[in-house]
Amino acid sequence: MEPQTDEARSRAGGCCPHLHEAVEFIGRRWTGAIIEVLRQDGPLRFSEIVQAIPGLSDRLCSERMKELEARGVVERTVHPGPPVRVEYDLTPMGRALEPSLSALRAWAHEWL
């Protein structure tokens, strides 16, 4: 039996694995908030991201920033010092999330 394509799986009523992966990735705790803060105010320093999101710990922010950078959603730029300054900003891939996040924001305001 041949493996199904995403399109065939969707027609058959199954879940698209790409959609599932995207929702799981963006839906991780604090990930959406970090992306939204960078979209609105980026580029930002690590401490500015933590301050902008109440309840976000340094440890979790660090984990999420590493994940976002590894996926190509966020870029980390080191500005030589002294003092050395590190800033984070969305990549074009991260900025491409804007229409989806805007739609989700509108849905949340209406339904949640």
PDB file of N, CA and C in Angstrom:
ATOM      1  N   MET A   1       0.842  -1.182   0.000  1.00  0.00           N
ATOM      2  CA  MET A   1       0.000   0.000   0.000  1.00  0.00           C
ATOM      3  C   MET A   1       0.889   1.247   0.000  1.00  0.00           C
ATOM      4  N   GLU A   2       0.602   2.188  -0.893  1.00  0.00           N
ATOM      5  CA  GLU A   2       1.393   3.414  -1.002  1.00  0.00           C
ATOM      6  C   GLU A   2       1.013   4.393   0.106  1.00  0.00           C
ATOM      7  N   PRO A   3       2.017   5.154   0.617  1.00  0.00           N
ATOM      8  CA  PRO A   3       1.696   6.159   1.628  1.00  0.00           C
ATOM      9  C   PRO A   3       0.831   7.264   1.030  1.00  0.00           C
ATOM     10  N   GLN A   4      -0.087   7.791   1.836  1.00  0.00           N
ATOM     11  CA  GLN A   4      -0.973   8.853   1.368  1.00  0.00           C
ATOM     12  C   GLN A   4      -0.242  10.194   1.373  1.00  0.00           C
ATOM     13  N   THR A   5      -0.580  11.024   0.395  1.00  0.00           N
ATOM     14  CA  THR A   5      -0.075  12.394   0.398  1.00  0.00           C
ATOM     15  C   THR A   5      -0.903  13.204   1.398  1.00  0.00           C
ATOM     16  N   ASP A   6      -0.414  14.388   1.756  1.00  0.00           N
ATOM     17  CA  ASP A   6      -1.167  15.251   2.672  1.00  0.00           C
ATOM     18  C   ASP A   6      -2.540  15.570   2.098  1.00  0.00           C
ATOM     19  N   GLU A   7      -2.575  15.825   0.799  1.00  0.00           N
ATOM     20  CA  GLU A   7      -3.841  16.163   0.148  1.00  0.00           C
ATOM     21  C   GLU A   7      -4.814  14.994   0.219  1.00  0.00           C
ATOM     22  N   ALA A   8      -4.338  13.785  -0.072  1.00  0.00           N
ATOM     23  CA  ALA A   8      -5.194  12.605  -0.012  1.00  0.00           C
ATOM     24  C   ALA A   8      -5.670  12.355   1.409  1.00  0.00           C
ATOM     25  N   ARG A   9      -4.798  12.557   2.381  1.00  0.00           N
ATOM     26  CA  ARG A   9      -5.157  12.350   3.787  1.00  0.00           C
ATOM     27  C   ARG A   9      -6.233  13.346   4.195  1.00  0.00           C
ATOM     28  N   SER A  10      -6.109  14.602   3.745  1.00  0.00           N
ATOM     29  CA  SER A  10      -7.101  15.620   4.072  1.00  0.00           C
ATOM     30  C   SER A  10      -8.449  15.276   3.461  1.00  0.00           C
ATOM     31  N   ARG A  11      -8.441  14.825   2.206  1.00  0.00           N
ATOM     32  CA  ARG A  11      -9.687  14.441   1.545  1.00  0.00           C
ATOM     33  C   ARG A  11     -10.332  13.261   2.260  1.00  0.00           C
ATOM     34  N   ALA A  12      -9.515  12.371   2.806  1.00  0.00           N
ATOM     35  CA  ALA A  12     -10.029  11.182   3.481  1.00  0.00           C
ATOM     36  C   ALA A  12     -10.487  11.507   4.905  1.00  0.00           C
ATOM     37  N   GLY A  13     -10.307  12.743   5.347  1.00  0.00           N
ATOM     38  CA  GLY A  13     -10.761  13.148   6.666  1.00  0.00           C
ATOM     39  C   GLY A  13      -9.678  13.053   7.729  1.00  0.00           C
ATOM     40  N   GLY A  14      -8.464  12.706   7.338  1.00  0.00           N
ATOM     41  CA  GLY A  14      -7.378  12.618   8.310  1.00  0.00           C
ATOM     42  C   GLY A  14      -6.751  13.974   8.551  1.00  0.00           C
ATOM     43  N   CYS A  15      -5.930  14.025   9.548  1.00  0.00           N
ATOM     44  CA  CYS A  15      -5.247  15.278   9.892  1.00  0.00           C
ATOM     45  C   CYS A  15      -3.969  15.419   9.077  1.00  0.00           C
ATOM     46  N   CYS A  16      -3.779  16.586   8.506  1.00  0.00           N
ATOM     47  CA  CYS A  16      -2.558  16.888   7.769  1.00  0.00           C
ATOM     48  C   CYS A  16      -1.397  16.929   8.763  1.00  0.00           C
ATOM     49  N   PRO A  17      -0.340  16.140   8.535  1.00  0.00           N
ATOM     50  CA  PRO A  17       0.774  16.128   9.487  1.00  0.00           C
ATOM     51  C   PRO A  17       1.496  17.471   9.592  1.00  0.00           C
ATOM     52  N   HIS A  18       1.521  18.245   8.518  1.00  0.00           N
ATOM     53  CA  HIS A  18       2.160  19.561   8.567  1.00  0.00           C
ATOM     54  C   HIS A  18       1.364  20.526   9.450  1.00  0.00           C
ATOM     55  N   LEU A  19       0.043  20.492   9.300  1.00  0.00           N
ATOM     56  CA  LEU A  19      -0.809  21.332  10.150  1.00  0.00           C
ATOM     57  C   LEU A  19      -0.645  20.918  11.605  1.00  0.00           C
ATOM     58  N   HIS A  20      -0.668  19.634  11.866  1.00  0.00           N
ATOM     59  CA  HIS A  20      -0.510  19.136  13.229  1.00  0.00           C
ATOM     60  C   HIS A  20       0.809  19.616  13.834  1.00  0.00           C
ATOM     61  N   GLU A  21       1.894  19.499  13.082  1.00  0.00           N
ATOM     62  CA  GLU A  21       3.205  19.930  13.563  1.00  0.00           C
ATOM     63  C   GLU A  21       3.227  21.432  13.835  1.00  0.00           C
ATOM     64  N   ALA A  22       2.622  22.219  12.938  1.00  0.00           N
ATOM     65  CA  ALA A  22       2.593  23.677  13.105  1.00  0.00           C
ATOM     66  C   ALA A  22       1.806  24.073  14.351  1.00  0.00           C
ATOM     67  N   VAL A  23       0.646  23.457  14.547  1.00  0.00           N
ATOM     68  CA  VAL A  23      -0.177  23.788  15.709  1.00  0.00           C
ATOM     69  C   VAL A  23       0.538  23.394  16.999  1.00  0.00           C
ATOM     70  N   GLU A  24       1.165  22.234  17.005  1.00  0.00           N
ATOM     71  CA  GLU A  24       1.903  21.799  18.196  1.00  0.00           C
ATOM     72  C   GLU A  24       3.090  22.719  18.475  1.00  0.00           C
ATOM     73  N   PHE A  25       3.763  23.161  17.447  1.00  0.00           N
ATOM     74  CA  PHE A  25       4.921  24.044  17.619  1.00  0.00           C
ATOM     75  C   PHE A  25       4.496  25.415  18.138  1.00  0.00           C
ATOM     76  N   ILE A  26       3.573  26.064  17.462  1.00  0.00           N
ATOM     77  CA  ILE A  26       3.134  27.406  17.849  1.00  0.00           C
ATOM     78  C   ILE A  26       2.363  27.361  19.166  1.00  0.00           C
ATOM     79  N   GLY A  27       1.705  26.243  19.427  1.00  0.00           N
ATOM     80  CA  GLY A  27       0.902  26.109  20.633  1.00  0.00           C
ATOM     81  C   GLY A  27       1.677  25.766  21.888  1.00  0.00           C
ATOM     82  N   ARG A  28       2.985  25.578  21.779  1.00  0.00           N
ATOM     83  CA  ARG A  28       3.773  25.300  22.979  1.00  0.00           C
ATOM     84  C   ARG A  28       3.677  26.486  23.922  1.00  0.00           C
ATOM     85  N   ARG A  29       3.749  26.198  25.197  1.00  0.00           N
ATOM     86  CA  ARG A  29       3.599  27.241  26.211  1.00  0.00           C
ATOM     87  C   ARG A  29       4.575  28.391  25.963  1.00  0.00           C
ATOM     88  N   TRP A  30       4.047  29.611  25.868  1.00  0.00           N
ATOM     89  CA  TRP A  30       4.762  30.875  25.704  1.00  0.00           C
ATOM     90  C   TRP A  30       5.243  31.149  24.280  1.00  0.00           C
ATOM     91  N   THR A  31       5.240  30.164  23.389  1.00  0.00           N
ATOM     92  CA  THR A  31       5.771  30.387  22.043  1.00  0.00           C
ATOM     93  C   THR A  31       4.986  31.456  21.296  1.00  0.00           C
ATOM     94  N   GLY A  32       3.666  31.349  21.298  1.00  0.00           N
ATOM     95  CA  GLY A  32       2.842  32.345  20.613  1.00  0.00           C
ATOM     96  C   GLY A  32       3.025  33.735  21.176  1.00  0.00           C
ATOM     97  N   ALA A  33       3.148  33.831  22.499  1.00  0.00           N
ATOM     98  CA  ALA A  33       3.341  35.133  23.144  1.00  0.00           C
ATOM     99  C   ALA A  33       4.685  35.740  22.749  1.00  0.00           C
ATOM    100  N   ILE A  34       5.715  34.921  22.701  1.00  0.00           N
ATOM    101  CA  ILE A  34       7.043  35.420  22.312  1.00  0.00           C
ATOM    102  C   ILE A  34       7.015  35.930  20.873  1.00  0.00           C
ATOM    103  N   ILE A  35       6.405  35.167  19.993  1.00  0.00           N
ATOM    104  CA  ILE A  35       6.318  35.587  18.586  1.00  0.00           C
ATOM    105  C   ILE A  35       5.534  36.889  18.474  1.00  0.00           C
ATOM    106  N   GLU A  36       4.437  36.997  19.214  1.00  0.00           N
ATOM    107  CA  GLU A  36       3.616  38.211  19.155  1.00  0.00           C
ATOM    108  C   GLU A  36       4.379  39.430  19.673  1.00  0.00           C
ATOM    109  N   VAL A  37       5.114  39.292  20.769  1.00  0.00           N
ATOM    110  CA  VAL A  37       5.894  40.411  21.313  1.00  0.00           C
ATOM    111  C   VAL A  37       6.975  40.835  20.320  1.00  0.00           C
ATOM    112  N   LEU A  38       7.643  39.879  19.713  1.00  0.00           N
ATOM    113  CA  LEU A  38       8.664  40.223  18.712  1.00  0.00           C
ATOM    114  C   LEU A  38       8.032  40.852  17.476  1.00  0.00           C
ATOM    115  N   ARG A  39       6.836  40.406  17.109  1.00  0.00           N
ATOM    116  CA  ARG A  39       6.143  40.986  15.953  1.00  0.00           C
ATOM    117  C   ARG A  39       5.797  42.445  16.222  1.00  0.00           C
ATOM    118  N   GLN A  40       5.342  42.721  17.423  1.00  0.00           N
ATOM    119  CA  GLN A  40       4.929  44.087  17.763  1.00  0.00           C
ATOM    120  C   GLN A  40       6.106  45.017  18.033  1.00  0.00           C
ATOM    121  N   ASP A  41       7.105  44.510  18.756  1.00  0.00           N
ATOM    122  CA  ASP A  41       8.130  45.395  19.302  1.00  0.00           C
ATOM    123  C   ASP A  41       9.562  45.071  18.906  1.00  0.00           C
ATOM    124  N   GLY A  42       9.790  43.983  18.153  1.00  0.00           N
ATOM    125  CA  GLY A  42      11.156  43.535  17.875  1.00  0.00           C
ATOM    126  C   GLY A  42      11.947  44.509  17.042  1.00  0.00           C
ATOM    127  N   PRO A  43      13.256  44.388  17.039  1.00  0.00           N
ATOM    128  CA  PRO A  43      14.060  43.426  17.790  1.00  0.00           C
ATOM    129  C   PRO A  43      14.133  43.799  19.274  1.00  0.00           C
ATOM    130  N   LEU A  44      14.250  42.748  20.111  1.00  0.00           N
ATOM    131  CA  LEU A  44      14.283  42.944  21.552  1.00  0.00           C
ATOM    132  C   LEU A  44      15.418  42.150  22.190  1.00  0.00           C
ATOM    133  N   ARG A  45      15.873  42.647  23.321  1.00  0.00           N
ATOM    134  CA  ARG A  45      16.845  41.913  24.128  1.00  0.00           C
ATOM    135  C   ARG A  45      16.085  40.875  24.948  1.00  0.00           C
ATOM    136  N   PHE A  46      16.805  39.875  25.416  1.00  0.00           N
ATOM    137  CA  PHE A  46      16.201  38.789  26.188  1.00  0.00           C
ATOM    138  C   PHE A  46      15.381  39.333  27.360  1.00  0.00           C
ATOM    139  N   SER A  47      15.973  40.230  28.133  1.00  0.00           N
ATOM    140  CA  SER A  47      15.286  40.767  29.315  1.00  0.00           C
ATOM    141  C   SER A  47      14.007  41.520  28.931  1.00  0.00           C
ATOM    142  N   GLU A  48      14.003  42.168  27.777  1.00  0.00           N
ATOM    143  CA  GLU A  48      12.816  42.892  27.320  1.00  0.00           C
ATOM    144  C   GLU A  48      11.687  41.924  26.960  1.00  0.00           C
ATOM    145  N   ILE A  49      12.045  40.780  26.405  1.00  0.00           N
ATOM    146  CA  ILE A  49      11.034  39.763  26.082  1.00  0.00           C
ATOM    147  C   ILE A  49      10.410  39.244  27.372  1.00  0.00           C
ATOM    148  N   VAL A  50      11.245  38.906  28.342  1.00  0.00           N
ATOM    149  CA  VAL A  50      10.752  38.387  29.626  1.00  0.00           C
ATOM    150  C   VAL A  50       9.856  39.419  30.308  1.00  0.00           C
ATOM    151  N   GLN A  51      10.253  40.685  30.295  1.00  0.00           N
ATOM    152  CA  GLN A  51       9.457  41.743  30.932  1.00  0.00           C
ATOM    153  C   GLN A  51       8.121  41.949  30.228  1.00  0.00           C
ATOM    154  N   ALA A  52       8.076  41.731  28.929  1.00  0.00           N
ATOM    155  CA  ALA A  52       6.858  41.972  28.151  1.00  0.00           C
ATOM    156  C   ALA A  52       5.809  40.882  28.316  1.00  0.00           C
ATOM    157  N   ILE A  53       6.215  39.737  28.872  1.00  0.00           N
ATOM    158  CA  ILE A  53       5.292  38.604  29.000  1.00  0.00           C
ATOM    159  C   ILE A  53       5.196  38.201  30.472  1.00  0.00           C
ATOM    160  N   PRO A  54       4.175  38.688  31.184  1.00  0.00           N
ATOM    161  CA  PRO A  54       4.025  38.354  32.600  1.00  0.00           C
ATOM    162  C   PRO A  54       3.939  36.836  32.811  1.00  0.00           C
ATOM    163  N   GLY A  55       4.706  36.345  33.773  1.00  0.00           N
ATOM    164  CA  GLY A  55       4.678  34.918  34.093  1.00  0.00           C
ATOM    165  C   GLY A  55       5.716  34.085  33.377  1.00  0.00           C
ATOM    166  N   LEU A  56       6.387  34.655  32.392  1.00  0.00           N
ATOM    167  CA  LEU A  56       7.409  33.927  31.639  1.00  0.00           C
ATOM    168  C   LEU A  56       8.724  33.955  32.421  1.00  0.00           C
ATOM    169  N   SER A  57       9.234  32.777  32.747  1.00  0.00           N
ATOM    170  CA  SER A  57      10.496  32.695  33.489  1.00  0.00           C
ATOM    171  C   SER A  57      11.682  32.777  32.528  1.00  0.00           C
ATOM    172  N   ASP A  58      12.830  33.138  33.061  1.00  0.00           N
ATOM    173  CA  ASP A  58      14.055  33.174  32.253  1.00  0.00           C
ATOM    174  C   ASP A  58      14.338  31.805  31.636  1.00  0.00           C
ATOM    175  N   ARG A  59      14.158  30.738  32.429  1.00  0.00           N
ATOM    176  CA  ARG A  59      14.457  29.389  31.955  1.00  0.00           C
ATOM    177  C   ARG A  59      13.575  29.007  30.772  1.00  0.00           C
ATOM    178  N   LEU A  60      12.256  29.238  30.908  1.00  0.00           N
ATOM    179  CA  LEU A  60      11.358  28.884  29.809  1.00  0.00           C
ATOM    180  C   LEU A  60      11.578  29.771  28.594  1.00  0.00           C
ATOM    181  N   CYS A  61      11.851  31.039  28.822  1.00  0.00           N
ATOM    182  CA  CYS A  61      12.132  31.934  27.698  1.00  0.00           C
ATOM    183  C   CYS A  61      13.365  31.454  26.951  1.00  0.00           C
ATOM    184  N   SER A  62      14.386  31.086  27.682  1.00  0.00           N
ATOM    185  CA  SER A  62      15.615  30.591  27.058  1.00  0.00           C
ATOM    186  C   SER A  62      15.350  29.346  26.220  1.00  0.00           C
ATOM    187  N   GLU A  63      14.570  28.411  26.763  1.00  0.00           N
ATOM    188  CA  GLU A  63      14.223  27.188  26.020  1.00  0.00           C
ATOM    189  C   GLU A  63      13.479  27.530  24.731  1.00  0.00           C
ATOM    190  N   ARG A  64      12.466  28.376  24.866  1.00  0.00           N
ATOM    191  CA  ARG A  64      11.652  28.708  23.683  1.00  0.00           C
ATOM    192  C   ARG A  64      12.467  29.474  22.643  1.00  0.00           C
ATOM    193  N   MET A  65      13.331  30.381  23.088  1.00  0.00           N
ATOM    194  CA  MET A  65      14.134  31.142  22.138  1.00  0.00           C
ATOM    195  C   MET A  65      15.056  30.208  21.363  1.00  0.00           C
ATOM    196  N   LYS A  66      15.640  29.224  22.037  1.00  0.00           N
ATOM    197  CA  LYS A  66      16.496  28.251  21.349  1.00  0.00           C
ATOM    198  C   LYS A  66      15.704  27.446  20.332  1.00  0.00           C
ATOM    199  N   GLU A  67      14.485  27.038  20.697  1.00  0.00           N
ATOM    200  CA  GLU A  67      13.630  26.284  19.771  1.00  0.00           C
ATOM    201  C   GLU A  67      13.242  27.142  18.561  1.00  0.00           C
ATOM    202  N   LEU A  68      12.849  28.381  18.829  1.00  0.00           N
ATOM    203  CA  LEU A  68      12.444  29.273  17.744  1.00  0.00           C
ATOM    204  C   LEU A  68      13.612  29.575  16.808  1.00  0.00           C
ATOM    205  N   GLU A  69      14.788  29.743  17.383  1.00  0.00           N
ATOM    206  CA  GLU A  69      15.976  29.990  16.564  1.00  0.00           C
ATOM    207  C   GLU A  69      16.326  28.747  15.740  1.00  0.00           C
ATOM    208  N   ALA A  70      16.263  27.571  16.353  1.00  0.00           N
ATOM    209  CA  ALA A  70      16.586  26.325  15.646  1.00  0.00           C
ATOM    210  C   ALA A  70      15.626  26.067  14.491  1.00  0.00           C
ATOM    211  N   ARG A  71      14.366  26.479  14.630  1.00  0.00           N
ATOM    212  CA  ARG A  71      13.365  26.300  13.575  1.00  0.00           C
ATOM    213  C   ARG A  71      13.434  27.382  12.505  1.00  0.00           C
ATOM    214  N   GLY A  72      14.218  28.422  12.748  1.00  0.00           N
ATOM    215  CA  GLY A  72      14.334  29.491  11.761  1.00  0.00           C
ATOM    216  C   GLY A  72      13.273  30.560  11.870  1.00  0.00           C
ATOM    217  N   VAL A  73      12.552  30.596  12.994  1.00  0.00           N
ATOM    218  CA  VAL A  73      11.491  31.583  13.192  1.00  0.00           C
ATOM    219  C   VAL A  73      12.055  32.875  13.784  1.00  0.00           C
ATOM    220  N   VAL A  74      13.106  32.732  14.592  1.00  0.00           N
ATOM    221  CA  VAL A  74      13.736  33.872  15.268  1.00  0.00           C
ATOM    222  C   VAL A  74      15.223  33.866  14.936  1.00  0.00           C
ATOM    223  N   GLU A  75      15.786  35.064  14.807  1.00  0.00           N
ATOM    224  CA  GLU A  75      17.234  35.167  14.634  1.00  0.00           C
ATOM    225  C   GLU A  75      17.813  35.912  15.825  1.00  0.00           C
ATOM    226  N   ARG A  76      18.993  35.467  16.203  1.00  0.00           N
ATOM    227  CA  ARG A  76      19.721  36.041  17.341  1.00  0.00           C
ATOM    228  C   ARG A  76      20.909  36.806  16.776  1.00  0.00           C
ATOM    229  N   THR A  77      21.016  38.078  17.137  1.00  0.00           N
ATOM    230  CA  THR A  77      22.105  38.914  16.649  1.00  0.00           C
ATOM    231  C   THR A  77      22.921  39.407  17.828  1.00  0.00           C
ATOM    232  N   VAL A  78      24.233  39.186  17.762  1.00  0.00           N
ATOM    233  CA  VAL A  78      25.140  39.649  18.811  1.00  0.00           C
ATOM    234  C   VAL A  78      25.815  40.919  18.319  1.00  0.00           C
ATOM    235  N   HIS A  79      25.636  41.993  19.073  1.00  0.00           N
ATOM    236  CA  HIS A  79      26.280  43.270  18.767  1.00  0.00           C
ATOM    237  C   HIS A  79      27.492  43.395  19.682  1.00  0.00           C
ATOM    238  N   PRO A  80      28.700  43.512  19.107  1.00  0.00           N
ATOM    239  CA  PRO A  80      29.894  43.592  19.943  1.00  0.00           C
ATOM    240  C   PRO A  80      29.856  44.803  20.863  1.00  0.00           C
ATOM    241  N   GLY A  81      30.489  44.674  21.988  1.00  0.00           N
ATOM    242  CA  GLY A  81      30.470  45.726  23.001  1.00  0.00           C
ATOM    243  C   GLY A  81      31.808  46.410  23.100  1.00  0.00           C
ATOM    244  N   PRO A  82      32.165  46.907  24.211  1.00  0.00           N
ATOM    245  CA  PRO A  82      31.475  46.584  25.468  1.00  0.00           C
ATOM    246  C   PRO A  82      30.294  47.511  25.705  1.00  0.00           C
ATOM    247  N   PRO A  83      29.257  47.079  26.374  1.00  0.00           N
ATOM    248  CA  PRO A  83      28.989  45.682  26.667  1.00  0.00           C
ATOM    249  C   PRO A  83      28.430  44.972  25.441  1.00  0.00           C
ATOM    250  N   VAL A  84      28.611  43.675  25.382  1.00  0.00           N
ATOM    251  CA  VAL A  84      28.034  42.875  24.300  1.00  0.00           C
ATOM    252  C   VAL A  84      26.518  42.927  24.446  1.00  0.00           C
ATOM    253  N   ARG A  85      25.821  43.113  23.340  1.00  0.00           N
ATOM    254  CA  ARG A  85      24.361  43.200  23.349  1.00  0.00           C
ATOM    255  C   ARG A  85      23.810  42.137  22.410  1.00  0.00           C
ATOM    256  N   VAL A  86      22.834  41.349  22.895  1.00  0.00           N
ATOM    257  CA  VAL A  86      22.198  40.317  22.086  1.00  0.00           C
ATOM    258  C   VAL A  86      20.745  40.715  21.870  1.00  0.00           C
ATOM    259  N   GLU A  87      20.310  40.671  20.612  1.00  0.00           N
ATOM    260  CA  GLU A  87      18.919  40.991  20.285  1.00  0.00           C
ATOM    261  C   GLU A  87      18.307  39.835  19.512  1.00  0.00           C
ATOM    262  N   TYR A  88      16.995  39.713  19.656  1.00  0.00           N
ATOM    263  CA  TYR A  88      16.220  38.696  18.958  1.00  0.00           C
ATOM    264  C   TYR A  88      15.179  39.387  18.095  1.00  0.00           C
ATOM    265  N   ASP A  89      14.966  38.828  16.900  1.00  0.00           N
ATOM    266  CA  ASP A  89      13.961  39.372  15.993  1.00  0.00           C
ATOM    267  C   ASP A  89      13.395  38.233  15.169  1.00  0.00           C
ATOM    268  N   LEU A  90      12.217  38.470  14.591  1.00  0.00           N
ATOM    269  CA  LEU A  90      11.619  37.464  13.719  1.00  0.00           C
ATOM    270  C   LEU A  90      12.334  37.441  12.377  1.00  0.00           C
ATOM    271  N   THR A  91      12.466  36.269  11.826  1.00  0.00           N
ATOM    272  CA  THR A  91      12.992  36.095  10.484  1.00  0.00           C
ATOM    273  C   THR A  91      11.826  36.281   9.511  1.00  0.00           C
ATOM    274  N   PRO A  92      12.088  36.289   8.204  1.00  0.00           N
ATOM    275  CA  PRO A  92      10.966  36.314   7.255  1.00  0.00           C
ATOM    276  C   PRO A  92       9.989  35.150   7.497  1.00  0.00           C
ATOM    277  N   MET A  93      10.512  33.991   7.873  1.00  0.00           N
ATOM    278  CA  MET A  93       9.644  32.847   8.186  1.00  0.00           C
ATOM    279  C   MET A  93       8.741  33.182   9.374  1.00  0.00           C
ATOM    280  N   GLY A  94       9.290  33.816  10.398  1.00  0.00           N
ATOM    281  CA  GLY A  94       8.500  34.206  11.564  1.00  0.00           C
ATOM    282  C   GLY A  94       7.467  35.263  11.221  1.00  0.00           C
ATOM    283  N   ARG A  95       7.859  36.229  10.389  1.00  0.00           N
ATOM    284  CA  ARG A  95       6.914  37.285   9.987  1.00  0.00           C
ATOM    285  C   ARG A  95       5.783  36.733   9.116  1.00  0.00           C
ATOM    286  N   ALA A  96       6.042  35.635   8.423  1.00  0.00           N
ATOM    287  CA  ALA A  96       5.012  35.007   7.587  1.00  0.00           C
ATOM    288  C   ALA A  96       3.872  34.421   8.425  1.00  0.00           C
ATOM    289  N   LEU A  97       4.072  34.313   9.725  1.00  0.00           N
ATOM    290  CA  LEU A  97       3.013  33.820  10.611  1.00  0.00           C
ATOM    291  C   LEU A  97       1.948  34.880  10.887  1.00  0.00           C
ATOM    292  N   GLU A  98       2.206  36.137  10.559  1.00  0.00           N
ATOM    293  CA  GLU A  98       1.310  37.244  10.886  1.00  0.00           C
ATOM    294  C   GLU A  98      -0.143  36.997  10.466  1.00  0.00           C
ATOM    295  N   PRO A  99      -0.446  36.608   9.224  1.00  0.00           N
ATOM    296  CA  PRO A  99      -1.862  36.414   8.870  1.00  0.00           C
ATOM    297  C   PRO A  99      -2.529  35.332   9.726  1.00  0.00           C
ATOM    298  N   SER A 100      -1.812  34.272  10.000  1.00  0.00           N
ATOM    299  CA  SER A 100      -2.382  33.195  10.817  1.00  0.00           C
ATOM    300  C   SER A 100      -2.615  33.658  12.245  1.00  0.00           C
ATOM    301  N   LEU A 101      -1.646  34.372  12.810  1.00  0.00           N
ATOM    302  CA  LEU A 101      -1.797  34.856  14.175  1.00  0.00           C
ATOM    303  C   LEU A 101      -2.888  35.919  14.271  1.00  0.00           C
ATOM    304  N   SER A 102      -3.021  36.746  13.246  1.00  0.00           N
ATOM    305  CA  SER A 102      -4.101  37.745  13.240  1.00  0.00           C
ATOM    306  C   SER A 102      -5.463  37.070  13.218  1.00  0.00           C
ATOM    307  N   ALA A 103      -5.593  36.033  12.418  1.00  0.00           N
ATOM    308  CA  ALA A 103      -6.854  35.287  12.357  1.00  0.00           C
ATOM    309  C   ALA A 103      -7.141  34.613  13.701  1.00  0.00           C
ATOM    310  N   LEU A 104      -6.123  34.049  14.317  1.00  0.00           N
ATOM    311  CA  LEU A 104      -6.301  33.406  15.618  1.00  0.00           C
ATOM    312  C   LEU A 104      -6.659  34.435  16.689  1.00  0.00           C
ATOM    313  N   ARG A 105      -6.021  35.610  16.631  1.00  0.00           N
ATOM    314  CA  ARG A 105      -6.319  36.690  17.578  1.00  0.00           C
ATOM    315  C   ARG A 105      -7.784  37.111  17.435  1.00  0.00           C
ATOM    316  N   ALA A 106      -8.265  37.280  16.210  1.00  0.00           N
ATOM    317  CA  ALA A 106      -9.656  37.673  15.970  1.00  0.00           C
ATOM    318  C   ALA A 106     -10.613  36.607  16.495  1.00  0.00           C
ATOM    319  N   TRP A 107     -10.293  35.361  16.245  1.00  0.00           N
ATOM    320  CA  TRP A 107     -11.120  34.258  16.740  1.00  0.00           C
ATOM    321  C   TRP A 107     -11.163  34.284  18.264  1.00  0.00           C
ATOM    322  N   ALA A 108     -10.007  34.467  18.904  1.00  0.00           N
ATOM    323  CA  ALA A 108      -9.921  34.482  20.363  1.00  0.00           C
ATOM    324  C   ALA A 108     -10.755  35.626  20.958  1.00  0.00           C
ATOM    325  N   HIS A 109     -10.689  36.802  20.334  1.00  0.00           N
ATOM    326  CA  HIS A 109     -11.470  37.937  20.847  1.00  0.00           C
ATOM    327  C   HIS A 109     -12.955  37.686  20.730  1.00  0.00           C
ATOM    328  N   GLU A 110     -13.369  36.978  19.685  1.00  0.00           N
ATOM    329  CA  GLU A 110     -14.791  36.704  19.499  1.00  0.00           C
ATOM    330  C   GLU A 110     -15.290  35.571  20.367  1.00  0.00           C
ATOM    331  N   TRP A 111     -14.496  34.541  20.553  1.00  0.00           N
ATOM    332  CA  TRP A 111     -14.990  33.319  21.167  1.00  0.00           C
ATOM    333  C   TRP A 111     -14.462  32.996  22.556  1.00  0.00           C
ATOM    334  N   LEU A 112     -13.361  33.595  22.961  1.00  0.00           N
ATOM    335  CA  LEU A 112     -12.803  33.230  24.282  1.00  0.00           C
ATOM    336  C   LEU A 112     -13.044  34.305  25.318  1.00  0.00           C
TER     337      LEU A 112
END
